[in-house]
Amino acid sequence: QVQLVESGGGLVQAGGSLRLSCAASGRTFSTYAMGWFRQAPGKEREFVAAISWNGGMTYYADSVKGRFTISRDNAKNTVYVQMNSLKPEDTAVYYCALGGFRGSYSRHDYDYWGQGTQVTVSS
């Protein structure tokens, strides 16, 4: 069993920054890819970013490319997403997910999910 716990969400003004963290326990974190997804009210859950098991490959949605940076610290069993230049359209619940080893844009390739953390960007 795997437990994923996100933290770092909150309310921020447009143009501001937040760093989300996701701490994993219960499995060998360092052998799995990690992803971040988000879901706004009334919308489908969408891909944000992913990182391979060793951090060698990263993937981003076009909507966040150049503003968000995903990283991981395998010694701490934690994955991060640094979010800069935030926009009101980034408002959503952000979820981390674990699965595979290469990283994927598809939520169907992830086996475990956290409970989510709310990010609200005011205009």
PDB file of N, CA and C in Angstrom:
ATOM      1  N   GLN A   1       0.838  -1.189   0.000  1.00  0.00           N
ATOM      2  CA  GLN A   1       0.000   0.000   0.000  1.00  0.00           C
ATOM      3  C   GLN A   1       0.878   1.246   0.000  1.00  0.00           C
ATOM      4  N   VAL A   2       0.419   2.252  -0.705  1.00  0.00           N
ATOM      5  CA  VAL A   2       1.146   3.507  -0.818  1.00  0.00           C
ATOM      6  C   VAL A   2       0.281   4.638  -0.286  1.00  0.00           C
ATOM      7  N   GLN A   3       0.893   5.515   0.461  1.00  0.00           N
ATOM      8  CA  GLN A   3       0.212   6.724   0.906  1.00  0.00           C
ATOM      9  C   GLN A   3       0.936   7.938   0.324  1.00  0.00           C
ATOM     10  N   LEU A   4       0.150   8.830  -0.256  1.00  0.00           N
ATOM     11  CA  LEU A   4       0.669  10.077  -0.811  1.00  0.00           C
ATOM     12  C   LEU A   4      -0.045  11.234  -0.126  1.00  0.00           C
ATOM     13  N   VAL A   5       0.734  12.172   0.390  1.00  0.00           N
ATOM     14  CA  VAL A   5       0.156  13.306   1.103  1.00  0.00           C
ATOM     15  C   VAL A   5       0.704  14.599   0.509  1.00  0.00           C
ATOM     16  N   GLU A   6      -0.207  15.373  -0.068  1.00  0.00           N
ATOM     17  CA  GLU A   6       0.179  16.658  -0.651  1.00  0.00           C
ATOM     18  C   GLU A   6       0.110  17.761   0.398  1.00  0.00           C
ATOM     19  N   SER A   7       0.919  18.780   0.195  1.00  0.00           N
ATOM     20  CA  SER A   7       0.884  19.966   1.045  1.00  0.00           C
ATOM     21  C   SER A   7       1.390  21.157   0.250  1.00  0.00           C
ATOM     22  N   GLY A   8       1.152  22.349   0.793  1.00  0.00           N
ATOM     23  CA  GLY A   8       1.685  23.554   0.173  1.00  0.00           C
ATOM     24  C   GLY A   8       0.678  24.386  -0.589  1.00  0.00           C
ATOM     25  N   GLY A   9      -0.548  23.905  -0.687  1.00  0.00           N
ATOM     26  CA  GLY A   9      -1.554  24.689  -1.380  1.00  0.00           C
ATOM     27  C   GLY A   9      -1.965  25.907  -0.570  1.00  0.00           C
ATOM     28  N   GLY A  10      -2.751  26.765  -1.210  1.00  0.00           N
ATOM     29  CA  GLY A  10      -3.219  27.952  -0.518  1.00  0.00           C
ATOM     30  C   GLY A  10      -3.759  28.984  -1.464  1.00  0.00           C
ATOM     31  N   LEU A  11      -3.936  30.186  -0.951  1.00  0.00           N
ATOM     32  CA  LEU A  11      -4.452  31.313  -1.728  1.00  0.00           C
ATOM     33  C   LEU A  11      -3.294  32.238  -2.069  1.00  0.00           C
ATOM     34  N   VAL A  12      -3.198  32.603  -3.328  1.00  0.00           N
ATOM     35  CA  VAL A  12      -2.110  33.471  -3.778  1.00  0.00           C
ATOM     36  C   VAL A  12      -2.650  34.410  -4.845  1.00  0.00           C
ATOM     37  N   GLN A  13      -2.060  35.581  -4.940  1.00  0.00           N
ATOM     38  CA  GLN A  13      -2.463  36.520  -5.975  1.00  0.00           C
ATOM     39  C   GLN A  13      -1.850  36.128  -7.317  1.00  0.00           C
ATOM     40  N   ALA A  14      -2.508  36.542  -8.378  1.00  0.00           N
ATOM     41  CA  ALA A  14      -1.971  36.305  -9.715  1.00  0.00           C
ATOM     42  C   ALA A  14      -0.552  36.864  -9.810  1.00  0.00           C
ATOM     43  N   GLY A  15       0.323  36.091 -10.433  1.00  0.00           N
ATOM     44  CA  GLY A  15       1.716  36.470 -10.544  1.00  0.00           C
ATOM     45  C   GLY A  15       2.582  35.909  -9.429  1.00  0.00           C
ATOM     46  N   GLY A  16       1.945  35.377  -8.391  1.00  0.00           N
ATOM     47  CA  GLY A  16       2.673  34.833  -7.264  1.00  0.00           C
ATOM     48  C   GLY A  16       3.155  33.414  -7.502  1.00  0.00           C
ATOM     49  N   SER A  17       3.720  32.841  -6.440  1.00  0.00           N
ATOM     50  CA  SER A  17       4.314  31.505  -6.521  1.00  0.00           C
ATOM     51  C   SER A  17       3.866  30.637  -5.348  1.00  0.00           C
ATOM     52  N   LEU A  18       3.856  29.348  -5.595  1.00  0.00           N
ATOM     53  CA  LEU A  18       3.644  28.346  -4.555  1.00  0.00           C
ATOM     54  C   LEU A  18       4.506  27.137  -4.890  1.00  0.00           C
ATOM     55  N   ARG A  19       4.888  26.404  -3.857  1.00  0.00           N
ATOM     56  CA  ARG A  19       5.553  25.130  -4.066  1.00  0.00           C
ATOM     57  C   ARG A  19       4.737  24.040  -3.378  1.00  0.00           C
ATOM     58  N   LEU A  20       4.274  23.100  -4.172  1.00  0.00           N
ATOM     59  CA  LEU A  20       3.552  21.953  -3.634  1.00  0.00           C
ATOM     60  C   LEU A  20       4.527  20.816  -3.377  1.00  0.00           C
ATOM     61  N   SER A  21       4.254  20.082  -2.313  1.00  0.00           N
ATOM     62  CA  SER A  21       5.049  18.905  -1.976  1.00  0.00           C
ATOM     63  C   SER A  21       4.128  17.693  -1.897  1.00  0.00           C
ATOM     64  N   CYS A  22       4.688  16.535  -2.161  1.00  0.00           N
ATOM     65  CA  CYS A  22       3.952  15.286  -2.031  1.00  0.00           C
ATOM     66  C   CYS A  22       4.891  14.270  -1.398  1.00  0.00           C
ATOM     67  N   ALA A  23       4.566  13.862  -0.188  1.00  0.00           N
ATOM     68  CA  ALA A  23       5.381  12.894   0.534  1.00  0.00           C
ATOM     69  C   ALA A  23       4.778  11.507   0.372  1.00  0.00           C
ATOM     70  N   ALA A  24       5.631  10.544   0.050  1.00  0.00           N
ATOM     71  CA  ALA A  24       5.185   9.179  -0.196  1.00  0.00           C
ATOM     72  C   ALA A  24       5.707   8.233   0.878  1.00  0.00           C
ATOM     73  N   SER A  25       4.899   7.244   1.184  1.00  0.00           N
ATOM     74  CA  SER A  25       5.333   6.202   2.114  1.00  0.00           C
ATOM     75  C   SER A  25       4.718   4.887   1.691  1.00  0.00           C
ATOM     76  N   GLY A  26       5.311   3.796   2.119  1.00  0.00           N
ATOM     77  CA  GLY A  26       4.721   2.487   1.921  1.00  0.00           C
ATOM     78  C   GLY A  26       5.261   1.709   0.745  1.00  0.00           C
ATOM     79  N   ARG A  27       6.089   2.304  -0.075  1.00  0.00           N
ATOM     80  CA  ARG A  27       6.644   1.576  -1.212  1.00  0.00           C
ATOM     81  C   ARG A  27       7.980   2.209  -1.568  1.00  0.00           C
ATOM     82  N   THR A  28       8.753   1.550  -2.377  1.00  0.00           N
ATOM     83  CA  THR A  28      10.035   2.100  -2.788  1.00  0.00           C
ATOM     84  C   THR A  28       9.807   3.241  -3.765  1.00  0.00           C
ATOM     85  N   PHE A  29       9.728   4.429  -3.215  1.00  0.00           N
ATOM     86  CA  PHE A  29       9.405   5.633  -3.978  1.00  0.00           C
ATOM     87  C   PHE A  29      10.350   5.825  -5.150  1.00  0.00           C
ATOM     88  N   SER A  30      11.620   5.563  -4.926  1.00  0.00           N
ATOM     89  CA  SER A  30      12.632   5.931  -5.912  1.00  0.00           C
ATOM     90  C   SER A  30      12.555   5.118  -7.195  1.00  0.00           C
ATOM     91  N   THR A  31      11.777   4.057  -7.232  1.00  0.00           N
ATOM     92  CA  THR A  31      11.683   3.240  -8.443  1.00  0.00           C
ATOM     93  C   THR A  31      10.468   3.578  -9.297  1.00  0.00           C
ATOM     94  N   TYR A  32       9.700   4.594  -8.908  1.00  0.00           N
ATOM     95  CA  TYR A  32       8.460   4.927  -9.602  1.00  0.00           C
ATOM     96  C   TYR A  32       8.455   6.364 -10.105  1.00  0.00           C
ATOM     97  N   ALA A  33       7.787   6.541 -11.220  1.00  0.00           N
ATOM     98  CA  ALA A  33       7.528   7.882 -11.721  1.00  0.00           C
ATOM     99  C   ALA A  33       6.454   8.548 -10.879  1.00  0.00           C
ATOM    100  N   MET A  34       6.463   9.875 -10.903  1.00  0.00           N
ATOM    101  CA  MET A  34       5.472  10.657 -10.168  1.00  0.00           C
ATOM    102  C   MET A  34       4.861  11.688 -11.101  1.00  0.00           C
ATOM    103  N   GLY A  35       3.606  11.989 -10.833  1.00  0.00           N
ATOM    104  CA  GLY A  35       2.929  12.990 -11.645  1.00  0.00           C
ATOM    105  C   GLY A  35       2.126  13.941 -10.786  1.00  0.00           C
ATOM    106  N   TRP A  36       1.856  15.111 -11.351  1.00  0.00           N
ATOM    107  CA  TRP A  36       0.928  16.078 -10.753  1.00  0.00           C
ATOM    108  C   TRP A  36      -0.217  16.295 -11.746  1.00  0.00           C
ATOM    109  N   PHE A  37      -1.419  16.274 -11.214  1.00  0.00           N
ATOM    110  CA  PHE A  37      -2.617  16.548 -11.986  1.00  0.00           C
ATOM    111  C   PHE A  37      -3.423  17.595 -11.236  1.00  0.00           C
ATOM    112  N   ARG A  38      -4.395  18.176 -11.907  1.00  0.00           N
ATOM    113  CA  ARG A  38      -5.264  19.147 -11.236  1.00  0.00           C
ATOM    114  C   ARG A  38      -6.677  19.016 -11.755  1.00  0.00           C
ATOM    115  N   GLN A  39      -7.603  19.437 -10.924  1.00  0.00           N
ATOM    116  CA  GLN A  39      -9.016  19.380 -11.304  1.00  0.00           C
ATOM    117  C   GLN A  39      -9.714  20.619 -10.791  1.00  0.00           C
ATOM    118  N   ALA A  40     -10.249  21.382 -11.720  1.00  0.00           N
ATOM    119  CA  ALA A  40     -11.036  22.562 -11.386  1.00  0.00           C
ATOM    120  C   ALA A  40     -12.506  22.160 -11.312  1.00  0.00           C
ATOM    121  N   PRO A  41     -13.327  22.933 -10.607  1.00  0.00           N
ATOM    122  CA  PRO A  41     -14.750  22.590 -10.481  1.00  0.00           C
ATOM    123  C   PRO A  41     -15.403  22.438 -11.850  1.00  0.00           C
ATOM    124  N   GLY A  42     -16.107  21.324 -12.028  1.00  0.00           N
ATOM    125  CA  GLY A  42     -16.833  21.092 -13.256  1.00  0.00           C
ATOM    126  C   GLY A  42     -15.985  20.665 -14.433  1.00  0.00           C
ATOM    127  N   LYS A  43     -14.701  20.413 -14.183  1.00  0.00           N
ATOM    128  CA  LYS A  43     -13.805  20.028 -15.276  1.00  0.00           C
ATOM    129  C   LYS A  43     -13.177  18.670 -14.998  1.00  0.00           C
ATOM    130  N   GLU A  44     -12.661  18.076 -16.070  1.00  0.00           N
ATOM    131  CA  GLU A  44     -11.949  16.817 -15.943  1.00  0.00           C
ATOM    132  C   GLU A  44     -10.599  17.030 -15.250  1.00  0.00           C
ATOM    133  N   ARG A  45     -10.133  15.973 -14.617  1.00  0.00           N
ATOM    134  CA  ARG A  45      -8.791  16.023 -14.055  1.00  0.00           C
ATOM    135  C   ARG A  45      -7.777  16.075 -15.208  1.00  0.00           C
ATOM    136  N   GLU A  46      -6.847  16.996 -15.130  1.00  0.00           N
ATOM    137  CA  GLU A  46      -5.911  17.168 -16.235  1.00  0.00           C
ATOM    138  C   GLU A  46      -4.461  17.062 -15.780  1.00  0.00           C
ATOM    139  N   PHE A  47      -3.645  16.638 -16.714  1.00  0.00           N
ATOM    140  CA  PHE A  47      -2.215  16.492 -16.464  1.00  0.00           C
ATOM    141  C   PHE A  47      -1.556  17.844 -16.284  1.00  0.00           C
ATOM    142  N   VAL A  48      -0.610  17.908 -15.337  1.00  0.00           N
ATOM    143  CA  VAL A  48       0.172  19.119 -15.116  1.00  0.00           C
ATOM    144  C   VAL A  48       1.647  18.863 -15.417  1.00  0.00           C
ATOM    145  N   ALA A  49       2.218  17.868 -14.735  1.00  0.00           N
ATOM    146  CA  ALA A  49       3.645  17.594 -14.905  1.00  0.00           C
ATOM    147  C   ALA A  49       3.938  16.182 -14.428  1.00  0.00           C
ATOM    148  N   ALA A  50       5.046  15.619 -14.914  1.00  0.00           N
ATOM    149  CA  ALA A  50       5.474  14.290 -14.478  1.00  0.00           C
ATOM    150  C   ALA A  50       6.993  14.229 -14.487  1.00  0.00           C
ATOM    151  N   ILE A  51       7.503  13.266 -13.712  1.00  0.00           N
ATOM    152  CA  ILE A  51       8.945  13.094 -13.619  1.00  0.00           C
ATOM    153  C   ILE A  51       9.243  11.605 -13.522  1.00  0.00           C
ATOM    154  N   SER A  52      10.271  11.166 -14.218  1.00  0.00           N
ATOM    155  CA  SER A  52      10.636   9.753 -14.213  1.00  0.00           C
ATOM    156  C   SER A  52      11.226   9.338 -12.869  1.00  0.00           C
ATOM    157  N   TRP A  53      11.456   8.049 -12.716  1.00  0.00           N
ATOM    158  CA  TRP A  53      11.874   7.500 -11.435  1.00  0.00           C
ATOM    159  C   TRP A  53      13.156   8.119 -10.904  1.00  0.00           C
ATOM    160  N   ASN A  54      14.061   8.482 -11.808  1.00  0.00           N
ATOM    161  CA  ASN A  54      15.349   9.029 -11.360  1.00  0.00           C
ATOM    162  C   ASN A  54      15.462  10.530 -11.636  1.00  0.00           C
ATOM    163  N   GLY A  55      14.369  11.134 -12.063  1.00  0.00           N
ATOM    164  CA  GLY A  55      14.393  12.563 -12.334  1.00  0.00           C
ATOM    165  C   GLY A  55      14.998  12.941 -13.665  1.00  0.00           C
ATOM    166  N   GLY A  56      15.380  11.953 -14.451  1.00  0.00           N
ATOM    167  CA  GLY A  56      16.051  12.230 -15.712  1.00  0.00           C
ATOM    168  C   GLY A  56      15.147  12.768 -16.810  1.00  0.00           C
ATOM    169  N   MET A  57      13.866  12.480 -16.705  1.00  0.00           N
ATOM    170  CA  MET A  57      12.910  12.943 -17.710  1.00  0.00           C
ATOM    171  C   MET A  57      11.794  13.708 -17.005  1.00  0.00           C
ATOM    172  N   THR A  58      11.415  14.830 -17.570  1.00  0.00           N
ATOM    173  CA  THR A  58      10.281  15.594 -17.061  1.00  0.00           C
ATOM    174  C   THR A  58       9.345  15.927 -18.213  1.00  0.00           C
ATOM    175  N   TYR A  59       8.081  16.089 -17.877  1.00  0.00           N
ATOM    176  CA  TYR A  59       7.040  16.349 -18.864  1.00  0.00           C
ATOM    177  C   TYR A  59       6.114  17.421 -18.298  1.00  0.00           C
ATOM    178  N   TYR A  60       5.638  18.291 -19.177  1.00  0.00           N
ATOM    179  CA  TYR A  60       4.758  19.371 -18.740  1.00  0.00           C
ATOM    180  C   TYR A  60       3.599  19.555 -19.703  1.00  0.00           C
ATOM    181  N   ALA A  61       2.474  19.946 -19.141  1.00  0.00           N
ATOM    182  CA  ALA A  61       1.371  20.402 -19.983  1.00  0.00           C
ATOM    183  C   ALA A  61       1.770  21.732 -20.608  1.00  0.00           C
ATOM    184  N   ASP A  62       1.285  21.968 -21.813  1.00  0.00           N
ATOM    185  CA  ASP A  62       1.615  23.225 -22.490  1.00  0.00           C
ATOM    186  C   ASP A  62       1.195  24.437 -21.664  1.00  0.00           C
ATOM    187  N   SER A  63       0.115  24.300 -20.930  1.00  0.00           N
ATOM    188  CA  SER A  63      -0.425  25.431 -20.183  1.00  0.00           C
ATOM    189  C   SER A  63       0.470  25.868 -19.025  1.00  0.00           C
ATOM    190  N   VAL A  64       1.394  25.001 -18.594  1.00  0.00           N
ATOM    191  CA  VAL A  64       2.257  25.343 -17.457  1.00  0.00           C
ATOM    192  C   VAL A  64       3.732  25.391 -17.826  1.00  0.00           C
ATOM    193  N   LYS A  65       4.039  25.009 -19.041  1.00  0.00           N
ATOM    194  CA  LYS A  65       5.436  24.960 -19.467  1.00  0.00           C
ATOM    195  C   LYS A  65       6.083  26.339 -19.330  1.00  0.00           C
ATOM    196  N   GLY A  66       7.255  26.369 -18.728  1.00  0.00           N
ATOM    197  CA  GLY A  66       7.952  27.630 -18.511  1.00  0.00           C
ATOM    198  C   GLY A  66       7.592  28.324 -17.210  1.00  0.00           C
ATOM    199  N   ARG A  67       6.521  27.865 -16.572  1.00  0.00           N
ATOM    200  CA  ARG A  67       6.093  28.469 -15.293  1.00  0.00           C
ATOM    201  C   ARG A  67       6.229  27.494 -14.130  1.00  0.00           C
ATOM    202  N   PHE A  68       6.005  26.215 -14.384  1.00  0.00           N
ATOM    203  CA  PHE A  68       6.049  25.187 -13.342  1.00  0.00           C
ATOM    204  C   PHE A  68       7.300  24.330 -13.536  1.00  0.00           C
ATOM    205  N   THR A  69       7.844  23.869 -12.416  1.00  0.00           N
ATOM    206  CA  THR A  69       8.992  22.966 -12.451  1.00  0.00           C
ATOM    207  C   THR A  69       8.767  21.818 -11.484  1.00  0.00           C
ATOM    208  N   ILE A  70       8.839  20.604 -12.007  1.00  0.00           N
ATOM    209  CA  ILE A  70       8.690  19.417 -11.173  1.00  0.00           C
ATOM    210  C   ILE A  70      10.080  18.905 -10.805  1.00  0.00           C
ATOM    211  N   SER A  71      10.197  18.415  -9.588  1.00  0.00           N
ATOM    212  CA  SER A  71      11.471  17.849  -9.134  1.00  0.00           C
ATOM    213  C   SER A  71      11.167  16.790  -8.078  1.00  0.00           C
ATOM    214  N   ARG A  72      12.177  16.023  -7.745  1.00  0.00           N
ATOM    215  CA  ARG A  72      11.984  14.992  -6.724  1.00  0.00           C
ATOM    216  C   ARG A  72      13.257  14.838  -5.911  1.00  0.00           C
ATOM    217  N   ASP A  73      13.062  14.410  -4.676  1.00  0.00           N
ATOM    218  CA  ASP A  73      14.168  14.094  -3.778  1.00  0.00           C
ATOM    219  C   ASP A  73      13.929  12.669  -3.290  1.00  0.00           C
ATOM    220  N   ASN A  74      14.598  11.717  -3.884  1.00  0.00           N
ATOM    221  CA  ASN A  74      14.352  10.319  -3.540  1.00  0.00           C
ATOM    222  C   ASN A  74      14.808   9.984  -2.125  1.00  0.00           C
ATOM    223  N   ALA A  75      15.752  10.738  -1.604  1.00  0.00           N
ATOM    224  CA  ALA A  75      16.185  10.509  -0.225  1.00  0.00           C
ATOM    225  C   ALA A  75      15.092  10.886   0.769  1.00  0.00           C
ATOM    226  N   LYS A  76      14.217  11.802   0.365  1.00  0.00           N
ATOM    227  CA  LYS A  76      13.132  12.255   1.238  1.00  0.00           C
ATOM    228  C   LYS A  76      11.782  11.688   0.816  1.00  0.00           C
ATOM    229  N   ASN A  77      11.767  10.840  -0.219  1.00  0.00           N
ATOM    230  CA  ASN A  77      10.503  10.276  -0.716  1.00  0.00           C
ATOM    231  C   ASN A  77       9.487  11.367  -1.031  1.00  0.00           C
ATOM    232  N   THR A  78       9.954  12.422  -1.650  1.00  0.00           N
ATOM    233  CA  THR A  78       9.096  13.582  -1.883  1.00  0.00           C
ATOM    234  C   THR A  78       9.253  14.098  -3.312  1.00  0.00           C
ATOM    235  N   VAL A  79       8.131  14.482  -3.894  1.00  0.00           N
ATOM    236  CA  VAL A  79       8.122  15.146  -5.192  1.00  0.00           C
ATOM    237  C   VAL A  79       7.553  16.547  -5.003  1.00  0.00           C
ATOM    238  N   TYR A  80       8.050  17.472  -5.788  1.00  0.00           N
ATOM    239  CA  TYR A  80       7.653  18.872  -5.668  1.00  0.00           C
ATOM    240  C   TYR A  80       7.176  19.400  -7.025  1.00  0.00           C
ATOM    241  N   VAL A  81       6.389  20.444  -6.957  1.00  0.00           N
ATOM    242  CA  VAL A  81       6.154  21.242  -8.153  1.00  0.00           C
ATOM    243  C   VAL A  81       6.228  22.712  -7.737  1.00  0.00           C
ATOM    244  N   GLN A  82       7.175  23.404  -8.296  1.00  0.00           N
ATOM    245  CA  GLN A  82       7.322  24.831  -8.069  1.00  0.00           C
ATOM    246  C   GLN A  82       6.476  25.549  -9.115  1.00  0.00           C
ATOM    247  N   MET A  83       5.549  26.375  -8.650  1.00  0.00           N
ATOM    248  CA  MET A  83       4.618  27.048  -9.541  1.00  0.00           C
ATOM    249  C   MET A  83       4.845  28.554  -9.463  1.00  0.00           C
ATOM    250  N   ASN A  84       5.290  29.120 -10.552  1.00  0.00           N
ATOM    251  CA  ASN A  84       5.558  30.555 -10.633  1.00  0.00           C
ATOM    252  C   ASN A  84       4.594  31.217 -11.606  1.00  0.00           C
ATOM    253  N   SER A  85       4.533  32.533 -11.528  1.00  0.00           N
ATOM    254  CA  SER A  85       3.672  33.314 -12.437  1.00  0.00           C
ATOM    255  C   SER A  85       2.265  32.727 -12.488  1.00  0.00           C
ATOM    256  N   LEU A  86       1.722  32.471 -11.338  1.00  0.00           N
ATOM    257  CA  LEU A  86       0.414  31.823 -11.274  1.00  0.00           C
ATOM    258  C   LEU A  86      -0.680  32.709 -11.854  1.00  0.00           C
ATOM    259  N   LYS A  87      -1.655  32.039 -12.471  1.00  0.00           N
ATOM    260  CA  LYS A  87      -2.782  32.709 -13.110  1.00  0.00           C
ATOM    261  C   LYS A  87      -4.080  32.223 -12.472  1.00  0.00           C
ATOM    262  N   PRO A  88      -5.144  33.015 -12.571  1.00  0.00           N
ATOM    263  CA  PRO A  88      -6.424  32.552 -12.024  1.00  0.00           C
ATOM    264  C   PRO A  88      -6.864  31.201 -12.607  1.00  0.00           C
ATOM    265  N   GLU A  89      -6.520  30.932 -13.844  1.00  0.00           N
ATOM    266  CA  GLU A  89      -6.907  29.655 -14.444  1.00  0.00           C
ATOM    267  C   GLU A  89      -6.110  28.468 -13.905  1.00  0.00           C
ATOM    268  N   ASP A  90      -5.126  28.715 -13.064  1.00  0.00           N
ATOM    269  CA  ASP A  90      -4.422  27.626 -12.379  1.00  0.00           C
ATOM    270  C   ASP A  90      -5.168  27.164 -11.137  1.00  0.00           C
ATOM    271  N   THR A  91      -6.231  27.853 -10.778  1.00  0.00           N
ATOM    272  CA  THR A  91      -7.022  27.481  -9.612  1.00  0.00           C
ATOM    273  C   THR A  91      -7.615  26.096  -9.791  1.00  0.00           C
ATOM    274  N   ALA A  92      -7.336  25.211  -8.831  1.00  0.00           N
ATOM    275  CA  ALA A  92      -7.791  23.823  -8.910  1.00  0.00           C
ATOM    276  C   ALA A  92      -7.339  23.083  -7.659  1.00  0.00           C
ATOM    277  N   VAL A  93      -7.845  21.873  -7.515  1.00  0.00           N
ATOM    278  CA  VAL A  93      -7.270  20.945  -6.547  1.00  0.00           C
ATOM    279  C   VAL A  93      -6.153  20.194  -7.268  1.00  0.00           C
ATOM    280  N   TYR A  94      -4.989  20.186  -6.651  1.00  0.00           N
ATOM    281  CA  TYR A  94      -3.816  19.544  -7.231  1.00  0.00           C
ATOM    282  C   TYR A  94      -3.557  18.209  -6.543  1.00  0.00           C
ATOM    283  N   TYR A  95      -3.362  17.186  -7.377  1.00  0.00           N
ATOM    284  CA  TYR A  95      -3.147  15.827  -6.895  1.00  0.00           C
ATOM    285  C   TYR A  95      -1.778  15.322  -7.348  1.00  0.00           C
ATOM    286  N   CYS A  96      -1.101  14.605  -6.471  1.00  0.00           N
ATOM    287  CA  CYS A  96       0.079  13.880  -6.926  1.00  0.00           C
ATOM    288  C   CYS A  96      -0.308  12.410  -7.121  1.00  0.00           C
ATOM    289  N   ALA A  97       0.466  11.740  -7.966  1.00  0.00           N
ATOM    290  CA  ALA A  97       0.176  10.359  -8.305  1.00  0.00           C
ATOM    291  C   ALA A  97       1.472   9.604  -8.533  1.00  0.00           C
ATOM    292  N   LEU A  98       1.424   8.311  -8.277  1.00  0.00           N
ATOM    293  CA  LEU A  98       2.605   7.435  -8.414  1.00  0.00           C
ATOM    294  C   LEU A  98       2.271   6.283  -9.336  1.00  0.00           C
ATOM    295  N   GLY A  99       3.183   5.969 -10.241  1.00  0.00           N
ATOM    296  CA  GLY A  99       2.970   4.826 -11.117  1.00  0.00           C
ATOM    297  C   GLY A  99       3.961   4.771 -12.261  1.00  0.00           C
ATOM    298  N   GLY A 100       4.242   3.565 -12.764  1.00  0.00           N
ATOM    299  CA  GLY A 100       5.195   3.382 -13.843  1.00  0.00           C
ATOM    300  C   GLY A 100       6.585   3.786 -13.410  1.00  0.00           C
ATOM    301  N   PHE A 101       7.465   3.960 -14.387  1.00  0.00           N
ATOM    302  CA  PHE A 101       8.817   4.393 -14.052  1.00  0.00           C
ATOM    303  C   PHE A 101       9.293   5.517 -14.961  1.00  0.00           C
ATOM    304  N   ARG A 102       8.663   5.653 -16.125  1.00  0.00           N
ATOM    305  CA  ARG A 102       9.143   6.638 -17.089  1.00  0.00           C
ATOM    306  C   ARG A 102       8.455   7.987 -16.930  1.00  0.00           C
ATOM    307  N   GLY A 103       7.198   7.972 -16.469  1.00  0.00           N
ATOM    308  CA  GLY A 103       6.407   9.190 -16.419  1.00  0.00           C
ATOM    309  C   GLY A 103       5.408   9.182 -17.559  1.00  0.00           C
ATOM    310  N   SER A 104       4.241   9.728 -17.320  1.00  0.00           N
ATOM    311  CA  SER A 104       3.184   9.659 -18.318  1.00  0.00           C
ATOM    312  C   SER A 104       2.253  10.854 -18.201  1.00  0.00           C
ATOM    313  N   TYR A 105       1.668  11.226 -19.355  1.00  0.00           N
ATOM    314  CA  TYR A 105       0.659  12.276 -19.385  1.00  0.00           C
ATOM    315  C   TYR A 105      -0.722  11.764 -18.988  1.00  0.00           C
ATOM    316  N   SER A 106      -0.901  10.461 -19.010  1.00  0.00           N
ATOM    317  CA  SER A 106      -2.215   9.873 -18.803  1.00  0.00           C
ATOM    318  C   SER A 106      -2.456   9.489 -17.357  1.00  0.00           C
ATOM    319  N   ARG A 107      -3.583   9.908 -16.823  1.00  0.00           N
ATOM    320  CA  ARG A 107      -3.878   9.559 -15.428  1.00  0.00           C
ATOM    321  C   ARG A 107      -4.093   8.059 -15.259  1.00  0.00           C
ATOM    322  N   HIS A 108      -4.374   7.371 -16.351  1.00  0.00           N
ATOM    323  CA  HIS A 108      -4.624   5.934 -16.261  1.00  0.00           C
ATOM    324  C   HIS A 108      -3.346   5.147 -16.017  1.00  0.00           C
ATOM    325  N   ASP A 109      -2.200   5.776 -16.161  1.00  0.00           N
ATOM    326  CA  ASP A 109      -0.921   5.092 -15.952  1.00  0.00           C
ATOM    327  C   ASP A 109      -0.421   5.195 -14.526  1.00  0.00           C
ATOM    328  N   TYR A 110      -1.206   5.806 -13.662  1.00  0.00           N
ATOM    329  CA  TYR A 110      -0.814   5.974 -12.265  1.00  0.00           C
ATOM    330  C   TYR A 110      -1.693   5.116 -11.375  1.00  0.00           C
ATOM    331  N   ASP A 111      -1.073   4.499 -10.395  1.00  0.00           N
ATOM    332  CA  ASP A 111      -1.770   3.526  -9.563  1.00  0.00           C
ATOM    333  C   ASP A 111      -2.245   4.096  -8.227  1.00  0.00           C
ATOM    334  N   TYR A 112      -1.558   5.106  -7.747  1.00  0.00           N
ATOM    335  CA  TYR A 112      -1.881   5.644  -6.419  1.00  0.00           C
ATOM    336  C   TYR A 112      -1.991   7.162  -6.507  1.00  0.00           C
ATOM    337  N   TRP A 113      -2.927   7.693  -5.709  1.00  0.00           N
ATOM    338  CA  TRP A 113      -3.225   9.120  -5.727  1.00  0.00           C
ATOM    339  C   TRP A 113      -3.302   9.668  -4.314  1.00  0.00           C
ATOM    340  N   GLY A 114      -2.900  10.919  -4.184  1.00  0.00           N
ATOM    341  CA  GLY A 114      -3.109  11.609  -2.924  1.00  0.00           C
ATOM    342  C   GLY A 114      -4.511  12.177  -2.841  1.00  0.00           C
ATOM    343  N   GLN A 115      -4.794  12.841  -1.736  1.00  0.00           N
ATOM    344  CA  GLN A 115      -6.121  13.402  -1.490  1.00  0.00           C
ATOM    345  C   GLN A 115      -6.295  14.781  -2.112  1.00  0.00           C
ATOM    346  N   GLY A 116      -5.202  15.404  -2.475  1.00  0.00           N
ATOM    347  CA  GLY A 116      -5.276  16.692  -3.141  1.00  0.00           C
ATOM    348  C   GLY A 116      -5.061  17.868  -2.208  1.00  0.00           C
ATOM    349  N   THR A 117      -4.614  18.971  -2.787  1.00  0.00           N
ATOM    350  CA  THR A 117      -4.442  20.218  -2.056  1.00  0.00           C
ATOM    351  C   THR A 117      -4.971  21.355  -2.920  1.00  0.00           C
ATOM    352  N   GLN A 118      -5.708  22.249  -2.299  1.00  0.00           N
ATOM    353  CA  GLN A 118      -6.366  23.323  -3.041  1.00  0.00           C
ATOM    354  C   GLN A 118      -5.394  24.459  -3.327  1.00  0.00           C
ATOM    355  N   VAL A 119      -5.384  24.894  -4.568  1.00  0.00           N
ATOM    356  CA  VAL A 119      -4.649  26.091  -4.972  1.00  0.00           C
ATOM    357  C   VAL A 119      -5.658  27.079  -5.538  1.00  0.00           C
ATOM    358  N   THR A 120      -5.682  28.267  -4.988  1.00  0.00           N
ATOM    359  CA  THR A 120      -6.585  29.315  -5.454  1.00  0.00           C
ATOM    360  C   THR A 120      -5.765  30.542  -5.806  1.00  0.00           C
ATOM    361  N   VAL A 121      -5.922  31.006  -7.035  1.00  0.00           N
ATOM    362  CA  VAL A 121      -5.195  32.174  -7.514  1.00  0.00           C
ATOM    363  C   VAL A 121      -6.201  33.290  -7.759  1.00  0.00           C
ATOM    364  N   SER A 122      -6.053  34.365  -7.034  1.00  0.00           N
ATOM    365  CA  SER A 122      -6.975  35.493  -7.168  1.00  0.00           C
ATOM    366  C   SER A 122      -6.439  36.489  -8.190  1.00  0.00           C
ATOM    367  N   SER A 123      -7.366  37.140  -8.863  1.00  0.00           N
ATOM    368  CA  SER A 123      -6.980  38.102  -9.910  1.00  0.00           C
ATOM    369  C   SER A 123      -6.804  39.502  -9.346  1.00  0.00           C
TER     370      SER A 123
END
